[in-house]
C-alpha atoms as a PDB file:
ATOM      1  CA  MET A   1      -0.168   0.356   0.043  1.00  0.00           C
ATOM      2  CA  LEU A   2       2.445   2.436   1.085  1.00  0.00           C
ATOM      3  CA  ASN A   3       4.562   1.942  -2.847  1.00  0.00           C
ATOM      4  CA  ASN A   4       1.456   2.976  -4.439  1.00  0.00           C
ATOM      5  CA  ARG A   5       0.516   6.170  -2.073  1.00  0.00           C
ATOM      6  CA  LYS A   6       4.067   6.889  -2.930  1.00  0.00           C
ATOM      7  CA  PHE A   7       3.580   6.096  -6.609  1.00  0.00           C
ATOM      8  CA  TYR A   8       0.241   8.186  -6.598  1.00  0.00           C
ATOM      9  CA  VAL A   9       2.107  11.579  -5.027  1.00  0.00           C
ATOM     10  CA  ALA A  10       4.730  11.410  -7.668  1.00  0.00           C
ATOM     11  CA  GLY A  11       2.006  11.578 -10.228  1.00  0.00           C
ATOM     12  CA  PHE A  12       0.499  14.385  -8.195  1.00  0.00           C
ATOM     13  CA  ILE A  13       3.345  16.052  -8.169  1.00  0.00           C
ATOM     14  CA  VAL A  14       4.824  15.405 -11.801  1.00  0.00           C
ATOM     15  CA  SER A  15       0.910  16.445 -12.628  1.00  0.00           C
ATOM     16  CA  LEU A  16       1.137  19.597 -11.021  1.00  0.00           C
ATOM     17  CA  PHE A  17       4.682  20.937 -12.325  1.00  0.00           C
ATOM     18  CA  LEU A  18       3.721  20.134 -16.124  1.00  0.00           C
ATOM     19  CA  ALA A  19       0.708  22.331 -15.380  1.00  0.00           C
ATOM     20  CA  GLY A  20       2.319  24.880 -13.234  1.00  0.00           C
ATOM     21  CA  VAL A  21       5.308  25.310 -15.478  1.00  0.00           C
ATOM     22  CA  VAL A  22       5.599  23.383 -18.236  1.00  0.00           C
ATOM     23  CA  SER A  23       2.336  24.151 -20.021  1.00  0.00           C
ATOM     24  CA  PHE A  24       3.272  27.349 -21.135  1.00  0.00           C
ATOM     25  CA  TYR A  25       5.155  26.210 -23.559  1.00  0.00           C
ATOM     26  CA  ALA A  26       2.280  24.167 -25.476  1.00  0.00           C
ATOM     27  CA  SER A  27       1.677  25.493 -28.723  1.00  0.00           C
ATOM     28  CA  SER A  28      -0.755  28.196 -29.201  1.00  0.00           C
ATOM     29  CA  SER A  29      -1.771  27.401 -32.574  1.00  0.00           C
ATOM     30  CA  PRO A  30      -4.963  26.886 -32.885  1.00  0.00           C
ATOM     31  CA  ASP A  31      -7.077  23.763 -32.281  1.00  0.00           C
ATOM     32  CA  GLY A  32      -8.574  21.491 -34.678  1.00  0.00           C
ATOM     33  CA  LEU A  33     -11.322  22.556 -35.493  1.00  0.00           C
ATOM     34  CA  GLU A  34     -10.439  26.348 -34.711  1.00  0.00           C
ATOM     35  CA  LYS A  35      -7.596  25.818 -38.075  1.00  0.00           C
ATOM     36  CA  VAL A  36     -10.614  23.815 -40.173  1.00  0.00           C
ATOM     37  CA  ALA A  37     -12.996  27.219 -39.664  1.00  0.00           C
ATOM     38  CA  GLU A  38      -9.684  29.582 -41.227  1.00  0.00           C
ATOM     39  CA  GLU A  39      -9.151  27.425 -43.827  1.00  0.00           C
ATOM     40  CA  ILE A  40     -12.514  27.023 -44.517  1.00  0.00           C
ATOM     41  CA  GLY A  41     -13.354  30.474 -43.960  1.00  0.00           C
ATOM     42  CA  PHE A  42     -16.213  30.512 -41.468  1.00  0.00           C
ATOM     43  CA  ILE A  43     -13.945  31.344 -38.749  1.00  0.00           C
ATOM     44  CA  GLU A  44     -16.122  34.696 -38.563  1.00  0.00           C
ATOM     45  CA  THR A  45     -18.879  32.941 -37.949  1.00  0.00           C
ATOM     46  CA  ALA A  46     -17.729  32.472 -34.827  1.00  0.00           C
ATOM     47  CA  LYS A  47     -19.542  33.245 -31.319  1.00  0.00           C
ATOM     48  CA  GLU A  48     -18.294  34.624 -27.746  1.00  0.00           C
ATOM     49  CA  ASN A  49     -19.201  31.541 -25.742  1.00  0.00           C
ATOM     50  CA  THR A  50     -20.907  32.241 -22.312  1.00  0.00           C
ATOM     51  CA  ASN A  51     -18.492  31.449 -19.663  1.00  0.00           C
ATOM     52  CA  ALA A  52     -15.630  33.789 -21.650  1.00  0.00           C
ATOM     53  CA  ASP A  53     -15.970  35.932 -17.913  1.00  0.00           C
ATOM     54  CA  VAL A  54     -15.340  33.582 -16.038  1.00  0.00           C
ATOM     55  CA  VAL A  55     -12.180  33.200 -13.492  1.00  0.00           C
ATOM     56  CA  LEU A  56     -10.599  30.253 -15.312  1.00  0.00           C
ATOM     57  CA  SER A  57     -11.129  31.113 -19.181  1.00  0.00           C
ATOM     58  CA  ASP A  58      -8.803  30.854 -22.076  1.00  0.00           C
ATOM     59  CA  TYR A  59      -6.390  28.924 -20.443  1.00  0.00           C
ATOM     60  CA  GLY A  60      -5.501  31.758 -17.690  1.00  0.00           C
ATOM     61  CA  THR A  61      -6.845  33.371 -14.648  1.00  0.00           C
ATOM     62  CA  LYS A  62      -8.303  36.291 -14.743  1.00  0.00           C
ATOM     63  CA  GLY A  63      -7.098  39.091 -13.062  1.00  0.00           C
ATOM     64  CA  VAL A  64      -3.773  38.106 -13.099  1.00  0.00           C
ATOM     65  CA  ASP A  65      -1.483  40.094 -15.468  1.00  0.00           C
ATOM     66  CA  ASN A  66       1.268  38.247 -15.671  1.00  0.00           C
ATOM     67  CA  GLU A  67       0.927  35.380 -18.704  1.00  0.00           C
ATOM     68  CA  ARG A  68       2.699  32.745 -17.081  1.00  0.00           C
ATOM     69  CA  ALA A  69       1.760  32.899 -13.808  1.00  0.00           C
ATOM     70  CA  SER A  70      -1.691  33.460 -15.511  1.00  0.00           C
ATOM     71  CA  VAL A  71      -1.558  29.746 -17.112  1.00  0.00           C
ATOM     72  CA  GLY A  72       0.621  28.183 -14.770  1.00  0.00           C
ATOM     73  CA  ILE A  73      -2.260  29.250 -12.495  1.00  0.00           C
ATOM     74  CA  ALA A  74      -5.464  28.257 -14.483  1.00  0.00           C
ATOM     75  CA  GLY A  75      -3.127  24.724 -14.634  1.00  0.00           C
ATOM     76  CA  VAL A  76      -2.298  24.426 -11.383  1.00  0.00           C
ATOM     77  CA  ILE A  77      -6.201  24.870 -10.203  1.00  0.00           C
ATOM     78  CA  GLY A  78      -7.402  22.384 -12.785  1.00  0.00           C
ATOM     79  CA  VAL A  79      -5.162  19.540 -11.275  1.00  0.00           C
ATOM     80  CA  LEU A  80      -6.860  19.849  -8.393  1.00  0.00           C
ATOM     81  CA  GLY A  81     -10.234  19.878  -9.135  1.00  0.00           C
ATOM     82  CA  THR A  82      -9.872  17.392 -10.967  1.00  0.00           C
ATOM     83  CA  ALA A  83      -8.207  15.397  -8.277  1.00  0.00           C
ATOM     84  CA  VAL A  84     -11.083  16.059  -5.857  1.00  0.00           C
ATOM     85  CA  VAL A  85     -13.368  14.814  -8.030  1.00  0.00           C
ATOM     86  CA  ALA A  86     -11.454  12.040  -8.880  1.00  0.00           C
ATOM     87  CA  GLY A  87     -10.877  11.469  -5.583  1.00  0.00           C
ATOM     88  CA  VAL A  88     -13.900  11.587  -4.345  1.00  0.00           C
ATOM     89  CA  ALA A  89     -15.559   9.476  -7.105  1.00  0.00           C
ATOM     90  CA  PHE A  90     -13.331   7.129  -6.554  1.00  0.00           C
ATOM     91  CA  LYS A  91     -13.934   6.441  -2.903  1.00  0.00           C
ATOM     92  CA  LEU A  92     -17.566   6.508  -3.790  1.00  0.00           C
ATOM     93  CA  ILE A  93     -16.826   3.303  -6.273  1.00  0.00           C
ATOM     94  CA  ALA A  94     -14.654   1.839  -4.039  1.00  0.00           C
ATOM     95  CA  ARG A  95     -16.993   1.544  -0.826  1.00  0.00           C
ATOM     96  CA  LYS A  96     -17.526  -1.943   0.602  1.00  0.00           C
ATOM     97  CA  PRO A  97     -21.283  -2.998   0.534  1.00  0.00           C
ATOM     98  CA  ARG A  98     -23.113  -2.328   3.863  1.00  0.00           C
ATOM     99  CA  LYS A  99     -24.121  -5.887   4.796  1.00  0.00           C
ATOM    100  CA  THR A 100     -27.773  -6.670   5.307  1.00  0.00           C
ATOM    101  CA  LYS A 101     -29.576  -9.021   8.366  1.00  0.00           C
ATOM    102  CA  ASN A 102     -31.036 -11.436   6.935  1.00  0.00           C
END
């Protein structure tokens, strides 16, 4: 059990590092749908996402002026949120069924 825990903690730390530091160096090129929309010529008809004003929209953190820090903070928050949701889900799935009295 201890070896599994070390593995999970190491994976979590690597995930935080990748999201917080390395993610800034990811490609800024358009994604597949945006590229096709530009090539075919219907990119002008795109509408702004209804969630464009939320704190973590567009791979950044609103209110943080430093672009590198903004992307890193958004990545770390994403990893933490995913870990919390996955942890709760796994705990619920792994619960042992209650024994009923016959």
